[in-house]
Amino acid sequence: MKAVVTVVGVDKPGIIAKVSGLLFENGINIMDISQTIMSDMFTMIMLIDLTDVAIPVAELTEMLEKLGAEMDLSIHMQREELFRSMHRI
């Protein structure tokens, strides 16, 4: 199973390190990543592989959102199935 993680907020050092570190600690591989800075706003989109995730997906979602709150960022995760089902309608 795959998921898309989005990260948006004011740019600051350590965003990529902290988000990717959290994923690594839970057995998650980053399959693709795109990031850019628009003015002072940091934006990142990651495609991740949840096949070997060490915790329930709901718990991972909460951990990412908590990290976002701690860093004053918006971090969201959506499973791939959501995107696929939207295009079948």
PDB file of N, CA and C in Angstrom:
ATOM      1  N   MET A   1       0.841  -1.170   0.000  1.00  0.00           N
ATOM      2  CA  MET A   1       0.000   0.000   0.000  1.00  0.00           C
ATOM      3  C   MET A   1       0.891   1.239   0.000  1.00  0.00           C
ATOM      4  N   LYS A   2       0.453   2.244  -0.748  1.00  0.00           N
ATOM      5  CA  LYS A   2       1.185   3.504  -0.828  1.00  0.00           C
ATOM      6  C   LYS A   2       0.323   4.631  -0.271  1.00  0.00           C
ATOM      7  N   ALA A   3       0.999   5.743   0.038  1.00  0.00           N
ATOM      8  CA  ALA A   3       0.293   6.926   0.519  1.00  0.00           C
ATOM      9  C   ALA A   3       1.049   8.162   0.068  1.00  0.00           C
ATOM     10  N   VAL A   4       0.331   9.281   0.059  1.00  0.00           N
ATOM     11  CA  VAL A   4       0.920  10.572  -0.283  1.00  0.00           C
ATOM     12  C   VAL A   4       0.946  11.418   0.988  1.00  0.00           C
ATOM     13  N   VAL A   5       2.119  11.971   1.288  1.00  0.00           N
ATOM     14  CA  VAL A   5       2.286  12.862   2.439  1.00  0.00           C
ATOM     15  C   VAL A   5       2.558  14.255   1.900  1.00  0.00           C
ATOM     16  N   THR A   6       1.802  15.238   2.384  1.00  0.00           N
ATOM     17  CA  THR A   6       2.035  16.624   1.993  1.00  0.00           C
ATOM     18  C   THR A   6       2.473  17.413   3.222  1.00  0.00           C
ATOM     19  N   VAL A   7       3.424  18.322   2.998  1.00  0.00           N
ATOM     20  CA  VAL A   7       3.951  19.162   4.063  1.00  0.00           C
ATOM     21  C   VAL A   7       3.979  20.595   3.543  1.00  0.00           C
ATOM     22  N   VAL A   8       3.358  21.509   4.279  1.00  0.00           N
ATOM     23  CA  VAL A   8       3.310  22.912   3.870  1.00  0.00           C
ATOM     24  C   VAL A   8       3.509  23.791   5.100  1.00  0.00           C
ATOM     25  N   GLY A   9       4.317  24.830   4.943  1.00  0.00           N
ATOM     26  CA  GLY A   9       4.504  25.777   6.029  1.00  0.00           C
ATOM     27  C   GLY A   9       5.661  26.710   5.751  1.00  0.00           C
ATOM     28  N   VAL A  10       5.884  27.615   6.672  1.00  0.00           N
ATOM     29  CA  VAL A  10       6.998  28.554   6.542  1.00  0.00           C
ATOM     30  C   VAL A  10       8.302  27.755   6.600  1.00  0.00           C
ATOM     31  N   ASP A  11       9.211  28.044   5.666  1.00  0.00           N
ATOM     32  CA  ASP A  11      10.474  27.316   5.582  1.00  0.00           C
ATOM     33  C   ASP A  11      11.327  27.532   6.829  1.00  0.00           C
ATOM     34  N   LYS A  12      11.964  26.445   7.277  1.00  0.00           N
ATOM     35  CA  LYS A  12      12.895  26.482   8.409  1.00  0.00           C
ATOM     36  C   LYS A  12      13.804  25.256   8.302  1.00  0.00           C
ATOM     37  N   PRO A  13      14.960  25.292   8.899  1.00  0.00           N
ATOM     38  CA  PRO A  13      15.862  24.140   8.853  1.00  0.00           C
ATOM     39  C   PRO A  13      15.255  22.916   9.533  1.00  0.00           C
ATOM     40  N   GLY A  14      15.524  21.747   8.966  1.00  0.00           N
ATOM     41  CA  GLY A  14      15.167  20.493   9.617  1.00  0.00           C
ATOM     42  C   GLY A  14      13.860  19.863   9.202  1.00  0.00           C
ATOM     43  N   ILE A  15      13.089  20.490   8.334  1.00  0.00           N
ATOM     44  CA  ILE A  15      11.780  19.921   7.978  1.00  0.00           C
ATOM     45  C   ILE A  15      11.946  18.553   7.332  1.00  0.00           C
ATOM     46  N   ILE A  16      12.762  18.478   6.286  1.00  0.00           N
ATOM     47  CA  ILE A  16      12.935  17.205   5.582  1.00  0.00           C
ATOM     48  C   ILE A  16      13.526  16.161   6.526  1.00  0.00           C
ATOM     49  N   ALA A  17      14.509  16.542   7.310  1.00  0.00           N
ATOM     50  CA  ALA A  17      15.159  15.601   8.231  1.00  0.00           C
ATOM     51  C   ALA A  17      14.168  15.020   9.236  1.00  0.00           C
ATOM     52  N   LYS A  18      13.330  15.863   9.819  1.00  0.00           N
ATOM     53  CA  LYS A  18      12.408  15.377  10.851  1.00  0.00           C
ATOM     54  C   LYS A  18      11.298  14.507  10.263  1.00  0.00           C
ATOM     55  N   VAL A  19      10.736  14.915   9.128  1.00  0.00           N
ATOM     56  CA  VAL A  19       9.665  14.125   8.518  1.00  0.00           C
ATOM     57  C   VAL A  19      10.217  12.789   8.020  1.00  0.00           C
ATOM     58  N   SER A  20      11.322  12.820   7.288  1.00  0.00           N
ATOM     59  CA  SER A  20      11.890  11.567   6.773  1.00  0.00           C
ATOM     60  C   SER A  20      12.404  10.688   7.911  1.00  0.00           C
ATOM     61  N   GLY A  21      12.915  11.289   8.983  1.00  0.00           N
ATOM     62  CA  GLY A  21      13.360  10.520  10.143  1.00  0.00           C
ATOM     63  C   GLY A  21      12.221   9.771  10.806  1.00  0.00           C
ATOM     64  N   LEU A  22      11.084  10.430  10.965  1.00  0.00           N
ATOM     65  CA  LEU A  22       9.913   9.780  11.545  1.00  0.00           C
ATOM     66  C   LEU A  22       9.481   8.595  10.684  1.00  0.00           C
ATOM     67  N   LEU A  23       9.491   8.781   9.374  1.00  0.00           N
ATOM     68  CA  LEU A  23       9.109   7.692   8.469  1.00  0.00           C
ATOM     69  C   LEU A  23      10.101   6.535   8.581  1.00  0.00           C
ATOM     70  N   PHE A  24      11.391   6.833   8.568  1.00  0.00           N
ATOM     71  CA  PHE A  24      12.427   5.813   8.680  1.00  0.00           C
ATOM     72  C   PHE A  24      12.285   5.004   9.962  1.00  0.00           C
ATOM     73  N   GLU A  25      12.049   5.687  11.069  1.00  0.00           N
ATOM     74  CA  GLU A  25      11.922   5.020  12.365  1.00  0.00           C
ATOM     75  C   GLU A  25      10.763   4.028  12.398  1.00  0.00           C
ATOM     76  N   ASN A  26       9.824   4.183  11.487  1.00  0.00           N
ATOM     77  CA  ASN A  26       8.653   3.301  11.460  1.00  0.00           C
ATOM     78  C   ASN A  26       8.638   2.371  10.254  1.00  0.00           C
ATOM     79  N   GLY A  27       9.803   2.162   9.639  1.00  0.00           N
ATOM     80  CA  GLY A  27       9.943   1.175   8.570  1.00  0.00           C
ATOM     81  C   GLY A  27       9.335   1.573   7.244  1.00  0.00           C
ATOM     82  N   ILE A  28       9.249   2.871   6.993  1.00  0.00           N
ATOM     83  CA  ILE A  28       8.583   3.352   5.784  1.00  0.00           C
ATOM     84  C   ILE A  28       9.609   3.855   4.782  1.00  0.00           C
ATOM     85  N   ASN A  29       9.485   3.381   3.543  1.00  0.00           N
ATOM     86  CA  ASN A  29      10.370   3.798   2.469  1.00  0.00           C
ATOM     87  C   ASN A  29       9.747   4.971   1.707  1.00  0.00           C
ATOM     88  N   ILE A  30      10.551   5.990   1.436  1.00  0.00           N
ATOM     89  CA  ILE A  30      10.116   7.106   0.601  1.00  0.00           C
ATOM     90  C   ILE A  30      10.410   6.724  -0.844  1.00  0.00           C
ATOM     91  N   MET A  31       9.379   6.603  -1.648  1.00  0.00           N
ATOM     92  CA  MET A  31       9.527   6.166  -3.032  1.00  0.00           C
ATOM     93  C   MET A  31       9.815   7.332  -3.976  1.00  0.00           C
ATOM     94  N   ASP A  32       9.250   8.484  -3.679  1.00  0.00           N
ATOM     95  CA  ASP A  32       9.459   9.667  -4.505  1.00  0.00           C
ATOM     96  C   ASP A  32       9.226  10.891  -3.632  1.00  0.00           C
ATOM     97  N   ILE A  33       9.908  11.964  -3.961  1.00  0.00           N
ATOM     98  CA  ILE A  33       9.776  13.182  -3.169  1.00  0.00           C
ATOM     99  C   ILE A  33       9.975  14.386  -4.076  1.00  0.00           C
ATOM    100  N   SER A  34       9.155  15.399  -3.838  1.00  0.00           N
ATOM    101  CA  SER A  34       9.277  16.660  -4.549  1.00  0.00           C
ATOM    102  C   SER A  34       9.125  17.764  -3.516  1.00  0.00           C
ATOM    103  N   GLN A  35      10.041  18.704  -3.519  1.00  0.00           N
ATOM    104  CA  GLN A  35       9.926  19.809  -2.581  1.00  0.00           C
ATOM    105  C   GLN A  35      10.393  21.081  -3.252  1.00  0.00           C
ATOM    106  N   THR A  36       9.789  22.175  -2.827  1.00  0.00           N
ATOM    107  CA  THR A  36      10.169  23.480  -3.348  1.00  0.00           C
ATOM    108  C   THR A  36       9.881  24.536  -2.300  1.00  0.00           C
ATOM    109  N   ILE A  37      10.492  25.680  -2.476  1.00  0.00           N
ATOM    110  CA  ILE A  37      10.231  26.816  -1.604  1.00  0.00           C
ATOM    111  C   ILE A  37       9.694  27.935  -2.483  1.00  0.00           C
ATOM    112  N   MET A  38       8.497  28.394  -2.173  1.00  0.00           N
ATOM    113  CA  MET A  38       7.859  29.490  -2.903  1.00  0.00           C
ATOM    114  C   MET A  38       7.840  30.686  -1.970  1.00  0.00           C
ATOM    115  N   SER A  39       8.657  31.672  -2.291  1.00  0.00           N
ATOM    116  CA  SER A  39       8.878  32.813  -1.400  1.00  0.00           C
ATOM    117  C   SER A  39       9.452  32.251  -0.107  1.00  0.00           C
ATOM    118  N   ASP A  40       8.747  32.319   1.006  1.00  0.00           N
ATOM    119  CA  ASP A  40       9.256  31.713   2.233  1.00  0.00           C
ATOM    120  C   ASP A  40       8.439  30.488   2.648  1.00  0.00           C
ATOM    121  N   MET A  41       7.588  29.993   1.739  1.00  0.00           N
ATOM    122  CA  MET A  41       6.745  28.836   2.041  1.00  0.00           C
ATOM    123  C   MET A  41       7.375  27.546   1.514  1.00  0.00           C
ATOM    124  N   PHE A  42       7.535  26.576   2.406  1.00  0.00           N
ATOM    125  CA  PHE A  42       8.074  25.265   2.072  1.00  0.00           C
ATOM    126  C   PHE A  42       6.914  24.363   1.688  1.00  0.00           C
ATOM    127  N   THR A  43       7.060  23.633   0.582  1.00  0.00           N
ATOM    128  CA  THR A  43       6.058  22.644   0.180  1.00  0.00           C
ATOM    129  C   THR A  43       6.777  21.354  -0.196  1.00  0.00           C
ATOM    130  N   MET A  44       6.215  20.238   0.239  1.00  0.00           N
ATOM    131  CA  MET A  44       6.803  18.935  -0.072  1.00  0.00           C
ATOM    132  C   MET A  44       5.689  17.921  -0.275  1.00  0.00           C
ATOM    133  N   ILE A  45       5.876  17.075  -1.266  1.00  0.00           N
ATOM    134  CA  ILE A  45       4.976  15.956  -1.517  1.00  0.00           C
ATOM    135  C   ILE A  45       5.834  14.702  -1.570  1.00  0.00           C
ATOM    136  N   MET A  46       5.431  13.692  -0.813  1.00  0.00           N
ATOM    137  CA  MET A  46       6.178  12.432  -0.772  1.00  0.00           C
ATOM    138  C   MET A  46       5.242  11.283  -1.103  1.00  0.00           C
ATOM    139  N   LEU A  47       5.722  10.340  -1.893  1.00  0.00           N
ATOM    140  CA  LEU A  47       5.025   9.081  -2.109  1.00  0.00           C
ATOM    141  C   LEU A  47       5.750   8.059  -1.252  1.00  0.00           C
ATOM    142  N   ILE A  48       5.018   7.430  -0.340  1.00  0.00           N
ATOM    143  CA  ILE A  48       5.647   6.491   0.590  1.00  0.00           C
ATOM    144  C   ILE A  48       5.050   5.099   0.445  1.00  0.00           C
ATOM    145  N   ASP A  49       5.832   4.105   0.818  1.00  0.00           N
ATOM    146  CA  ASP A  49       5.420   2.706   0.775  1.00  0.00           C
ATOM    147  C   ASP A  49       5.113   2.260   2.198  1.00  0.00           C
ATOM    148  N   LEU A  50       3.866   1.887   2.432  1.00  0.00           N
ATOM    149  CA  LEU A  50       3.430   1.478   3.773  1.00  0.00           C
ATOM    150  C   LEU A  50       3.486  -0.028   3.973  1.00  0.00           C
ATOM    151  N   THR A  51       4.071  -0.764   3.032  1.00  0.00           N
ATOM    152  CA  THR A  51       4.085  -2.219   3.099  1.00  0.00           C
ATOM    153  C   THR A  51       4.674  -2.739   4.403  1.00  0.00           C
ATOM    154  N   ASP A  52       5.783  -2.164   4.850  1.00  0.00           N
ATOM    155  CA  ASP A  52       6.457  -2.657   6.049  1.00  0.00           C
ATOM    156  C   ASP A  52       6.293  -1.734   7.251  1.00  0.00           C
ATOM    157  N   VAL A  53       5.224  -0.929   7.266  1.00  0.00           N
ATOM    158  CA  VAL A  53       5.015   0.007   8.359  1.00  0.00           C
ATOM    159  C   VAL A  53       4.926  -0.761   9.685  1.00  0.00           C
ATOM    160  N   ALA A  54       5.613  -0.252  10.703  1.00  0.00           N
ATOM    161  CA  ALA A  54       5.721  -0.935  11.987  1.00  0.00           C
ATOM    162  C   ALA A  54       4.560  -0.641  12.937  1.00  0.00           C
ATOM    163  N   ILE A  55       3.694   0.309  12.588  1.00  0.00           N
ATOM    164  CA  ILE A  55       2.595   0.710  13.464  1.00  0.00           C
ATOM    165  C   ILE A  55       1.316   0.815  12.631  1.00  0.00           C
ATOM    166  N   PRO A  56       0.148   0.880  13.268  1.00  0.00           N
ATOM    167  CA  PRO A  56      -1.093   1.081  12.509  1.00  0.00           C
ATOM    168  C   PRO A  56      -1.050   2.409  11.739  1.00  0.00           C
ATOM    169  N   VAL A  57      -1.636   2.421  10.546  1.00  0.00           N
ATOM    170  CA  VAL A  57      -1.628   3.604   9.688  1.00  0.00           C
ATOM    171  C   VAL A  57      -2.272   4.799  10.405  1.00  0.00           C
ATOM    172  N   ALA A  58      -3.327   4.568  11.152  1.00  0.00           N
ATOM    173  CA  ALA A  58      -3.978   5.661  11.888  1.00  0.00           C
ATOM    174  C   ALA A  58      -3.020   6.290  12.888  1.00  0.00           C
ATOM    175  N   GLU A  59      -2.203   5.475  13.531  1.00  0.00           N
ATOM    176  CA  GLU A  59      -1.223   5.995  14.487  1.00  0.00           C
ATOM    177  C   GLU A  59      -0.150   6.810  13.774  1.00  0.00           C
ATOM    178  N   LEU A  60       0.277   6.340  12.604  1.00  0.00           N
ATOM    179  CA  LEU A  60       1.252   7.089  11.818  1.00  0.00           C
ATOM    180  C   LEU A  60       0.687   8.444  11.410  1.00  0.00           C
ATOM    181  N   THR A  61      -0.560   8.463  10.983  1.00  0.00           N
ATOM    182  CA  THR A  61      -1.214   9.713  10.615  1.00  0.00           C
ATOM    183  C   THR A  61      -1.191  10.691  11.783  1.00  0.00           C
ATOM    184  N   GLU A  62      -1.522  10.204  12.966  1.00  0.00           N
ATOM    185  CA  GLU A  62      -1.507  11.052  14.166  1.00  0.00           C
ATOM    186  C   GLU A  62      -0.096  11.561  14.475  1.00  0.00           C
ATOM    187  N   MET A  63       0.895  10.711  14.312  1.00  0.00           N
ATOM    188  CA  MET A  63       2.284  11.107  14.581  1.00  0.00           C
ATOM    189  C   MET A  63       2.724  12.208  13.616  1.00  0.00           C
ATOM    190  N   LEU A  64       2.357  12.075  12.339  1.00  0.00           N
ATOM    191  CA  LEU A  64       2.712  13.095  11.356  1.00  0.00           C
ATOM    192  C   LEU A  64       2.012  14.417  11.671  1.00  0.00           C
ATOM    193  N   GLU A  65       0.737  14.349  12.022  1.00  0.00           N
ATOM    194  CA  GLU A  65       0.005  15.570  12.355  1.00  0.00           C
ATOM    195  C   GLU A  65       0.568  16.224  13.619  1.00  0.00           C
ATOM    196  N   LYS A  66       0.973  15.413  14.595  1.00  0.00           N
ATOM    197  CA  LYS A  66       1.577  15.946  15.824  1.00  0.00           C
ATOM    198  C   LYS A  66       2.905  16.626  15.503  1.00  0.00           C
ATOM    199  N   LEU A  67       3.723  15.992  14.655  1.00  0.00           N
ATOM    200  CA  LEU A  67       4.979  16.601  14.250  1.00  0.00           C
ATOM    201  C   LEU A  67       4.720  17.926  13.548  1.00  0.00           C
ATOM    202  N   GLY A  68       3.702  17.954  12.700  1.00  0.00           N
ATOM    203  CA  GLY A  68       3.336  19.187  12.025  1.00  0.00           C
ATOM    204  C   GLY A  68       2.975  20.285  13.011  1.00  0.00           C
ATOM    205  N   ALA A  69       2.206  19.948  14.017  1.00  0.00           N
ATOM    206  CA  ALA A  69       1.820  20.937  15.025  1.00  0.00           C
ATOM    207  C   ALA A  69       3.041  21.448  15.784  1.00  0.00           C
ATOM    208  N   GLU A  70       3.955  20.541  16.115  1.00  0.00           N
ATOM    209  CA  GLU A  70       5.167  20.932  16.842  1.00  0.00           C
ATOM    210  C   GLU A  70       6.043  21.874  16.018  1.00  0.00           C
ATOM    211  N   MET A  71       6.039  21.676  14.689  1.00  0.00           N
ATOM    212  CA  MET A  71       6.896  22.473  13.812  1.00  0.00           C
ATOM    213  C   MET A  71       6.142  23.613  13.131  1.00  0.00           C
ATOM    214  N   ASP A  72       4.879  23.795  13.506  1.00  0.00           N
ATOM    215  CA  ASP A  72       4.029  24.826  12.908  1.00  0.00           C
ATOM    216  C   ASP A  72       3.905  24.624  11.394  1.00  0.00           C
ATOM    217  N   LEU A  73       3.635  23.356  11.010  1.00  0.00           N
ATOM    218  CA  LEU A  73       3.459  22.964   9.614  1.00  0.00           C
ATOM    219  C   LEU A  73       2.135  22.241   9.462  1.00  0.00           C
ATOM    220  N   SER A  74       1.666  22.170   8.242  1.00  0.00           N
ATOM    221  CA  SER A  74       0.519  21.329   7.919  1.00  0.00           C
ATOM    222  C   SER A  74       1.060  20.049   7.285  1.00  0.00           C
ATOM    223  N   ILE A  75       0.890  18.912   7.978  1.00  0.00           N
ATOM    224  CA  ILE A  75       1.335  17.627   7.447  1.00  0.00           C
ATOM    225  C   ILE A  75       0.121  16.707   7.381  1.00  0.00           C
ATOM    226  N   HIS A  76      -0.133  16.182   6.182  1.00  0.00           N
ATOM    227  CA  HIS A  76      -1.279  15.281   5.977  1.00  0.00           C
ATOM    228  C   HIS A  76      -0.838  14.057   5.188  1.00  0.00           C
ATOM    229  N   MET A  77      -1.483  12.930   5.465  1.00  0.00           N
ATOM    230  CA  MET A  77      -1.220  11.703   4.731  1.00  0.00           C
ATOM    231  C   MET A  77      -2.536  11.157   4.203  1.00  0.00           C
ATOM    232  N   GLN A  78      -2.531  10.755   2.925  1.00  0.00           N
ATOM    233  CA  GLN A  78      -3.707  10.131   2.322  1.00  0.00           C
ATOM    234  C   GLN A  78      -3.275   8.865   1.616  1.00  0.00           C
ATOM    235  N   ARG A  79      -4.001   7.799   1.852  1.00  0.00           N
ATOM    236  CA  ARG A  79      -3.668   6.528   1.227  1.00  0.00           C
ATOM    237  C   ARG A  79      -3.973   6.561  -0.265  1.00  0.00           C
ATOM    238  N   GLU A  80      -3.192   5.810  -1.006  1.00  0.00           N
ATOM    239  CA  GLU A  80      -3.295   5.763  -2.465  1.00  0.00           C
ATOM    240  C   GLU A  80      -4.698   5.375  -2.929  1.00  0.00           C
ATOM    241  N   GLU A  81      -5.360   4.519  -2.183  1.00  0.00           N
ATOM    242  CA  GLU A  81      -6.692   4.046  -2.572  1.00  0.00           C
ATOM    243  C   GLU A  81      -7.673   5.198  -2.753  1.00  0.00           C
ATOM    244  N   LEU A  82      -7.536   6.238  -1.954  1.00  0.00           N
ATOM    245  CA  LEU A  82      -8.409   7.399  -2.051  1.00  0.00           C
ATOM    246  C   LEU A  82      -8.291   8.051  -3.434  1.00  0.00           C
ATOM    247  N   PHE A  83      -7.039   8.233  -3.879  1.00  0.00           N
ATOM    248  CA  PHE A  83      -6.824   8.866  -5.187  1.00  0.00           C
ATOM    249  C   PHE A  83      -7.347   7.979  -6.317  1.00  0.00           C
ATOM    250  N   ARG A  84      -7.119   6.677  -6.199  1.00  0.00           N
ATOM    251  CA  ARG A  84      -7.573   5.756  -7.253  1.00  0.00           C
ATOM    252  C   ARG A  84      -9.101   5.703  -7.322  1.00  0.00           C
ATOM    253  N   SER A  85      -9.761   5.682  -6.167  1.00  0.00           N
ATOM    254  CA  SER A  85     -11.221   5.598  -6.167  1.00  0.00           C
ATOM    255  C   SER A  85     -11.855   6.898  -6.699  1.00  0.00           C
ATOM    256  N   MET A  86     -11.200   8.042  -6.458  1.00  0.00           N
ATOM    257  CA  MET A  86     -11.742   9.310  -6.967  1.00  0.00           C
ATOM    258  C   MET A  86     -11.774   9.318  -8.492  1.00  0.00           C
ATOM    259  N   HIS A  87     -10.832   8.655  -9.123  1.00  0.00           N
ATOM    260  CA  HIS A  87     -10.758   8.676 -10.580  1.00  0.00           C
ATOM    261  C   HIS A  87     -11.623   7.591 -11.224  1.00  0.00           C
ATOM    262  N   ARG A  88     -12.199   6.713 -10.440  1.00  0.00           N
ATOM    263  CA  ARG A  88     -13.100   5.670 -10.976  1.00  0.00           C
ATOM    264  C   ARG A  88     -14.543   6.141 -11.038  1.00  0.00           C
ATOM    265  N   ILE A  89     -14.864   7.194 -10.337  1.00  0.00           N
ATOM    266  CA  ILE A  89     -16.260   7.663 -10.262  1.00  0.00           C
ATOM    267  C   ILE A  89     -16.659   8.299 -11.558  1.00  0.00           C
TER     268      ILE A  89
END
